[in-house]
């Protein structure tokens, strides 16, 4: 981190990256504020314009970080994790009549998993540290994107048939994301 700003009662460090882009972008992907700015843009102007959004997001992330202190990471080995994922994929494939072409495991910077139009499921290797119920949720979530691409009402209705508490699961994943990002794994 480099630069600092004060927004109301909050002191905030942030990083600036200048790129050949048209519009500024603010990101909190790993819990730290990143300003991606067009060349010649002043960071203070962007911070002033978006200070309410920054303040709100920072509070949400700080709350997640506090909650993360009460969570424990699973100590699952690679083989057990892969076996669990393959079992869940087969189980959901049968139950939902959806076929997955291949399952890949790789470390991902911004998401727990993804599912391609070619029916390939990619699971973030860091998911192995999650409780089994959250791994199950992630796999169902991605597989349902084969029937409904967007996070619209239909998609969430499909999710809620298996996980009526899906909003809680989403919040838990958000908390675990920051817990895992702050660990040396």
C-alpha atoms as a PDB file:
ATOM      1  CA  UNK A   1       0.000   0.000   0.000  1.00  0.00           C
ATOM      2  CA  UNK A   2       1.152   3.492  -0.577  1.00  0.00           C
ATOM      3  CA  UNK A   3      -1.133   6.507  -0.477  1.00  0.00           C
ATOM      4  CA  UNK A   4      -3.493   7.492   2.342  1.00  0.00           C
ATOM      5  CA  UNK A   5      -6.874   9.173   2.568  1.00  0.00           C
ATOM      6  CA  UNK A   6      -9.188  10.195   5.394  1.00  0.00           C
ATOM      7  CA  UNK A   7     -12.907   9.710   4.822  1.00  0.00           C
ATOM      8  CA  UNK A   8     -14.980  10.895   7.786  1.00  0.00           C
ATOM      9  CA  UNK A   9     -13.611   8.896  10.770  1.00  0.00           C
ATOM     10  CA  UNK A  10     -11.766   6.360   8.605  1.00  0.00           C
ATOM     11  CA  UNK A  11      -8.090   6.376   7.683  1.00  0.00           C
ATOM     12  CA  UNK A  12      -7.536   4.375   4.525  1.00  0.00           C
ATOM     13  CA  UNK A  13      -4.460   3.232   2.672  1.00  0.00           C
ATOM     14  CA  UNK A  14      -4.751   2.542  -1.027  1.00  0.00           C
ATOM     15  CA  UNK A  15      -2.717   1.649  -4.057  1.00  0.00           C
ATOM     16  CA  UNK A  16      -2.793   3.431  -7.414  1.00  0.00           C
ATOM     17  CA  UNK A  17      -2.248   1.824 -10.796  1.00  0.00           C
ATOM     18  CA  UNK A  18      -2.267   3.953 -13.953  1.00  0.00           C
ATOM     19  CA  UNK A  19      -3.353   2.265 -17.174  1.00  0.00           C
ATOM     20  CA  UNK A  20      -4.428   3.200 -20.676  1.00  0.00           C
ATOM     21  CA  UNK A  21      -8.138   3.148 -19.828  1.00  0.00           C
ATOM     22  CA  UNK A  22     -10.949   5.632 -20.334  1.00  0.00           C
ATOM     23  CA  UNK A  23     -12.628   5.623 -16.913  1.00  0.00           C
ATOM     24  CA  UNK A  24     -11.340   5.172 -13.358  1.00  0.00           C
ATOM     25  CA  UNK A  25     -12.142   1.974 -11.484  1.00  0.00           C
ATOM     26  CA  UNK A  26     -12.129   1.227  -7.756  1.00  0.00           C
ATOM     27  CA  UNK A  27     -11.630  -2.326  -6.476  1.00  0.00           C
ATOM     28  CA  UNK A  28     -11.733  -3.959  -3.061  1.00  0.00           C
ATOM     29  CA  UNK A  29     -11.131  -7.544  -4.281  1.00  0.00           C
ATOM     30  CA  UNK A  30      -8.690  -8.599  -1.581  1.00  0.00           C
ATOM     31  CA  UNK A  31      -9.818  -6.182   1.099  1.00  0.00           C
ATOM     32  CA  UNK A  32      -7.445  -3.406   0.067  1.00  0.00           C
ATOM     33  CA  UNK A  33      -8.517  -0.454  -2.039  1.00  0.00           C
ATOM     34  CA  UNK A  34      -7.005  -0.346  -5.494  1.00  0.00           C
ATOM     35  CA  UNK A  35      -7.554   2.679  -7.739  1.00  0.00           C
ATOM     36  CA  UNK A  36      -7.078   1.874 -11.408  1.00  0.00           C
ATOM     37  CA  UNK A  37      -6.817   5.268 -13.061  1.00  0.00           C
ATOM     38  CA  UNK A  38      -6.442   6.607 -16.575  1.00  0.00           C
ATOM     39  CA  UNK A  39      -3.157   8.395 -17.070  1.00  0.00           C
ATOM     40  CA  UNK A  40      -3.387  11.977 -15.816  1.00  0.00           C
ATOM     41  CA  UNK A  41      -6.256  11.337 -13.369  1.00  0.00           C
ATOM     42  CA  UNK A  42      -5.875  12.632  -9.830  1.00  0.00           C
ATOM     43  CA  UNK A  43      -6.543  10.039  -7.138  1.00  0.00           C
ATOM     44  CA  UNK A  44      -8.006  12.581  -4.698  1.00  0.00           C
ATOM     45  CA  UNK A  45     -10.709  13.556  -7.215  1.00  0.00           C
ATOM     46  CA  UNK A  46     -11.792   9.924  -7.591  1.00  0.00           C
ATOM     47  CA  UNK A  47     -11.744   9.325  -3.835  1.00  0.00           C
ATOM     48  CA  UNK A  48     -13.811  12.442  -3.185  1.00  0.00           C
ATOM     49  CA  UNK A  49     -16.365  11.492  -5.841  1.00  0.00           C
ATOM     50  CA  UNK A  50     -16.747   7.925  -4.518  1.00  0.00           C
ATOM     51  CA  UNK A  51     -16.127   8.490  -0.804  1.00  0.00           C
ATOM     52  CA  UNK A  52     -19.557   7.191   0.291  1.00  0.00           C
ATOM     53  CA  UNK A  53     -19.098   3.966  -1.691  1.00  0.00           C
ATOM     54  CA  UNK A  54     -15.543   3.527  -0.360  1.00  0.00           C
ATOM     55  CA  UNK A  55     -16.681   4.134   3.218  1.00  0.00           C
ATOM     56  CA  UNK A  56     -19.532   1.618   2.949  1.00  0.00           C
ATOM     57  CA  UNK A  57     -17.420  -1.088   1.267  1.00  0.00           C
ATOM     58  CA  UNK A  58     -14.588  -0.644   3.751  1.00  0.00           C
ATOM     59  CA  UNK A  59     -17.009  -1.075   6.670  1.00  0.00           C
ATOM     60  CA  UNK A  60     -18.468  -4.239   5.109  1.00  0.00           C
ATOM     61  CA  UNK A  61     -14.980  -5.678   4.644  1.00  0.00           C
ATOM     62  CA  UNK A  62     -13.871  -4.738   8.171  1.00  0.00           C
ATOM     63  CA  UNK A  63     -16.979  -6.442   9.522  1.00  0.00           C
ATOM     64  CA  UNK A  64     -16.135  -9.572   7.501  1.00  0.00           C
ATOM     65  CA  UNK A  65     -12.553  -9.501   8.794  1.00  0.00           C
ATOM     66  CA  UNK A  66     -13.812  -9.344  12.400  1.00  0.00           C
ATOM     67  CA  UNK A  67     -16.185 -12.234  11.754  1.00  0.00           C
ATOM     68  CA  UNK A  68     -13.372 -14.198  10.086  1.00  0.00           C
ATOM     69  CA  UNK A  69     -11.429 -14.234  13.371  1.00  0.00           C
ATOM     70  CA  UNK A  70     -14.033 -16.656  14.777  1.00  0.00           C
ATOM     71  CA  UNK A  71     -13.755 -19.044  11.811  1.00  0.00           C
ATOM     72  CA  UNK A  72     -11.397 -21.965  11.392  1.00  0.00           C
ATOM     73  CA  UNK A  73     -10.006 -23.288   8.147  1.00  0.00           C
ATOM     74  CA  UNK A  74     -10.417 -26.973   7.332  1.00  0.00           C
ATOM     75  CA  UNK A  75      -7.231 -29.027   7.144  1.00  0.00           C
ATOM     76  CA  UNK A  76      -8.223 -31.241   4.234  1.00  0.00           C
ATOM     77  CA  UNK A  77      -5.487 -32.781   2.095  1.00  0.00           C
ATOM     78  CA  UNK A  78      -5.478 -32.429  -1.693  1.00  0.00           C
ATOM     79  CA  UNK A  79      -6.673 -35.977  -2.407  1.00  0.00           C
ATOM     80  CA  UNK A  80      -9.591 -35.818   0.031  1.00  0.00           C
ATOM     81  CA  UNK A  81     -10.585 -32.438  -1.401  1.00  0.00           C
ATOM     82  CA  UNK A  82     -10.538 -33.679  -4.999  1.00  0.00           C
ATOM     83  CA  UNK A  83     -12.434 -36.838  -4.033  1.00  0.00           C
ATOM     84  CA  UNK A  84     -15.090 -34.725  -2.300  1.00  0.00           C
ATOM     85  CA  UNK A  85     -15.452 -32.417  -5.314  1.00  0.00           C
ATOM     86  CA  UNK A  86     -15.743 -35.324  -7.770  1.00  0.00           C
ATOM     87  CA  UNK A  87     -18.302 -37.036  -5.530  1.00  0.00           C
ATOM     88  CA  UNK A  88     -20.403 -33.854  -5.287  1.00  0.00           C
ATOM     89  CA  UNK A  89     -20.192 -33.211  -9.043  1.00  0.00           C
ATOM     90  CA  UNK A  90     -21.400 -36.757  -9.758  1.00  0.00           C
ATOM     91  CA  UNK A  91     -24.145 -36.464  -7.165  1.00  0.00           C
ATOM     92  CA  UNK A  92     -25.450 -33.138  -8.522  1.00  0.00           C
ATOM     93  CA  UNK A  93     -25.041 -34.360 -12.125  1.00  0.00           C
ATOM     94  CA  UNK A  94     -27.389 -37.259 -11.409  1.00  0.00           C
ATOM     95  CA  UNK A  95     -29.808 -35.205  -9.346  1.00  0.00           C
ATOM     96  CA  UNK A  96     -30.045 -32.259 -11.760  1.00  0.00           C
ATOM     97  CA  UNK A  97     -29.511 -34.202 -14.982  1.00  0.00           C
ATOM     98  CA  UNK A  98     -26.566 -31.943 -15.820  1.00  0.00           C
ATOM     99  CA  UNK A  99     -23.329 -33.221 -17.236  1.00  0.00           C
ATOM    100  CA  UNK A 100     -19.921 -31.750 -16.450  1.00  0.00           C
ATOM    101  CA  UNK A 101     -17.261 -32.367 -19.069  1.00  0.00           C
ATOM    102  CA  UNK A 102     -14.151 -31.992 -16.876  1.00  0.00           C
ATOM    103  CA  UNK A 103     -13.179 -30.700 -13.458  1.00  0.00           C
ATOM    104  CA  UNK A 104     -10.056 -28.564 -13.077  1.00  0.00           C
ATOM    105  CA  UNK A 105      -8.364 -27.379  -9.894  1.00  0.00           C
ATOM    106  CA  UNK A 106      -6.306 -24.209  -9.836  1.00  0.00           C
ATOM    107  CA  UNK A 107      -5.595 -21.293  -7.556  1.00  0.00           C
ATOM    108  CA  UNK A 108      -7.860 -18.407  -8.548  1.00  0.00           C
ATOM    109  CA  UNK A 109      -7.382 -14.783  -7.482  1.00  0.00           C
ATOM    110  CA  UNK A 110     -10.953 -13.516  -7.428  1.00  0.00           C
ATOM    111  CA  UNK A 111     -13.460 -16.383  -7.256  1.00  0.00           C
ATOM    112  CA  UNK A 112     -14.193 -19.732  -5.680  1.00  0.00           C
ATOM    113  CA  UNK A 113     -15.071 -21.484  -8.934  1.00  0.00           C
ATOM    114  CA  UNK A 114     -16.288 -21.066 -12.498  1.00  0.00           C
ATOM    115  CA  UNK A 115     -18.152 -23.132 -15.059  1.00  0.00           C
ATOM    116  CA  UNK A 116     -17.560 -22.682 -18.778  1.00  0.00           C
ATOM    117  CA  UNK A 117     -19.980 -23.075 -21.663  1.00  0.00           C
ATOM    118  CA  UNK A 118     -17.946 -26.153 -22.584  1.00  0.00           C
ATOM    119  CA  UNK A 119     -19.221 -27.603 -19.284  1.00  0.00           C
ATOM    120  CA  UNK A 120     -15.813 -27.480 -17.616  1.00  0.00           C
ATOM    121  CA  UNK A 121     -15.871 -26.779 -13.900  1.00  0.00           C
ATOM    122  CA  UNK A 122     -12.837 -25.023 -12.428  1.00  0.00           C
ATOM    123  CA  UNK A 123     -12.538 -25.070  -8.647  1.00  0.00           C
ATOM    124  CA  UNK A 124     -10.266 -22.741  -6.708  1.00  0.00           C
ATOM    125  CA  UNK A 125      -7.698 -24.885  -4.874  1.00  0.00           C
ATOM    126  CA  UNK A 126      -8.168 -22.659  -1.825  1.00  0.00           C
ATOM    127  CA  UNK A 127     -11.717 -24.035  -1.508  1.00  0.00           C
ATOM    128  CA  UNK A 128     -10.197 -27.049   0.217  1.00  0.00           C
ATOM    129  CA  UNK A 129      -9.991 -24.930   3.379  1.00  0.00           C
ATOM    130  CA  UNK A 130     -13.760 -24.349   3.422  1.00  0.00           C
ATOM    131  CA  UNK A 131     -16.314 -26.384   5.364  1.00  0.00           C
ATOM    132  CA  UNK A 132     -17.822 -29.182   3.262  1.00  0.00           C
ATOM    133  CA  UNK A 133     -21.240 -27.520   3.151  1.00  0.00           C
ATOM    134  CA  UNK A 134     -19.748 -24.435   1.473  1.00  0.00           C
ATOM    135  CA  UNK A 135     -17.892 -26.577  -1.077  1.00  0.00           C
ATOM    136  CA  UNK A 136     -21.198 -28.281  -1.833  1.00  0.00           C
ATOM    137  CA  UNK A 137     -22.861 -24.877  -2.249  1.00  0.00           C
ATOM    138  CA  UNK A 138     -20.128 -23.618  -4.607  1.00  0.00           C
ATOM    139  CA  UNK A 139     -20.417 -26.672  -6.843  1.00  0.00           C
ATOM    140  CA  UNK A 140     -24.205 -26.472  -7.034  1.00  0.00           C
ATOM    141  CA  UNK A 141     -23.986 -22.729  -7.713  1.00  0.00           C
ATOM    142  CA  UNK A 142     -21.615 -23.221 -10.646  1.00  0.00           C
ATOM    143  CA  UNK A 143     -23.449 -26.217 -12.080  1.00  0.00           C
ATOM    144  CA  UNK A 144     -26.744 -24.319 -12.060  1.00  0.00           C
ATOM    145  CA  UNK A 145     -25.123 -21.722 -14.294  1.00  0.00           C
ATOM    146  CA  UNK A 146     -25.352 -24.386 -17.007  1.00  0.00           C
ATOM    147  CA  UNK A 147     -29.126 -23.934 -16.942  1.00  0.00           C
ATOM    148  CA  UNK A 148     -29.282 -20.255 -15.982  1.00  0.00           C
ATOM    149  CA  UNK A 149     -26.261 -18.111 -16.867  1.00  0.00           C
ATOM    150  CA  UNK A 150     -27.139 -14.984 -14.885  1.00  0.00           C
ATOM    151  CA  UNK A 151     -27.747 -14.300 -11.210  1.00  0.00           C
ATOM    152  CA  UNK A 152     -31.390 -13.493 -11.784  1.00  0.00           C
ATOM    153  CA  UNK A 153     -34.538 -14.445  -9.881  1.00  0.00           C
ATOM    154  CA  UNK A 154     -34.827 -17.778 -11.693  1.00  0.00           C
ATOM    155  CA  UNK A 155     -31.245 -18.671 -10.752  1.00  0.00           C
ATOM    156  CA  UNK A 156     -31.743 -17.852  -7.056  1.00  0.00           C
ATOM    157  CA  UNK A 157     -35.007 -19.828  -7.037  1.00  0.00           C
ATOM    158  CA  UNK A 158     -33.091 -22.861  -8.337  1.00  0.00           C
ATOM    159  CA  UNK A 159     -30.421 -22.380  -5.659  1.00  0.00           C
ATOM    160  CA  UNK A 160     -33.025 -22.014  -2.909  1.00  0.00           C
ATOM    161  CA  UNK A 161     -34.485 -25.423  -3.755  1.00  0.00           C
ATOM    162  CA  UNK A 162     -31.281 -26.960  -2.359  1.00  0.00           C
ATOM    163  CA  UNK A 163     -30.096 -24.180  -0.060  1.00  0.00           C
ATOM    164  CA  UNK A 164     -32.927 -22.134   1.417  1.00  0.00           C
ATOM    165  CA  UNK A 165     -30.234 -20.280   3.395  1.00  0.00           C
ATOM    166  CA  UNK A 166     -28.237 -19.344   0.278  1.00  0.00           C
ATOM    167  CA  UNK A 167     -27.885 -15.710   1.406  1.00  0.00           C
ATOM    168  CA  UNK A 168     -26.175 -16.941   4.567  1.00  0.00           C
ATOM    169  CA  UNK A 169     -23.904 -19.177   2.465  1.00  0.00           C
ATOM    170  CA  UNK A 170     -22.949 -16.221   0.251  1.00  0.00           C
ATOM    171  CA  UNK A 171     -22.100 -14.154   3.328  1.00  0.00           C
ATOM    172  CA  UNK A 172     -20.029 -17.016   4.794  1.00  0.00           C
ATOM    173  CA  UNK A 173     -18.096 -17.327   1.536  1.00  0.00           C
ATOM    174  CA  UNK A 174     -17.426 -13.586   1.640  1.00  0.00           C
ATOM    175  CA  UNK A 175     -16.070 -13.903   5.194  1.00  0.00           C
ATOM    176  CA  UNK A 176     -13.961 -16.970   4.364  1.00  0.00           C
ATOM    177  CA  UNK A 177     -12.552 -15.161   1.320  1.00  0.00           C
ATOM    178  CA  UNK A 178     -10.965 -12.520   3.530  1.00  0.00           C
ATOM    179  CA  UNK A 179      -9.836 -15.096   6.081  1.00  0.00           C
ATOM    180  CA  UNK A 180      -8.055 -17.106   3.382  1.00  0.00           C
ATOM    181  CA  UNK A 181      -6.582 -13.998   1.728  1.00  0.00           C
ATOM    182  CA  UNK A 182      -4.961 -13.052   5.036  1.00  0.00           C
ATOM    183  CA  UNK A 183      -3.432 -16.494   5.580  1.00  0.00           C
ATOM    184  CA  UNK A 184      -0.145 -17.671   4.104  1.00  0.00           C
ATOM    185  CA  UNK A 185      -1.443 -20.734   2.224  1.00  0.00           C
END
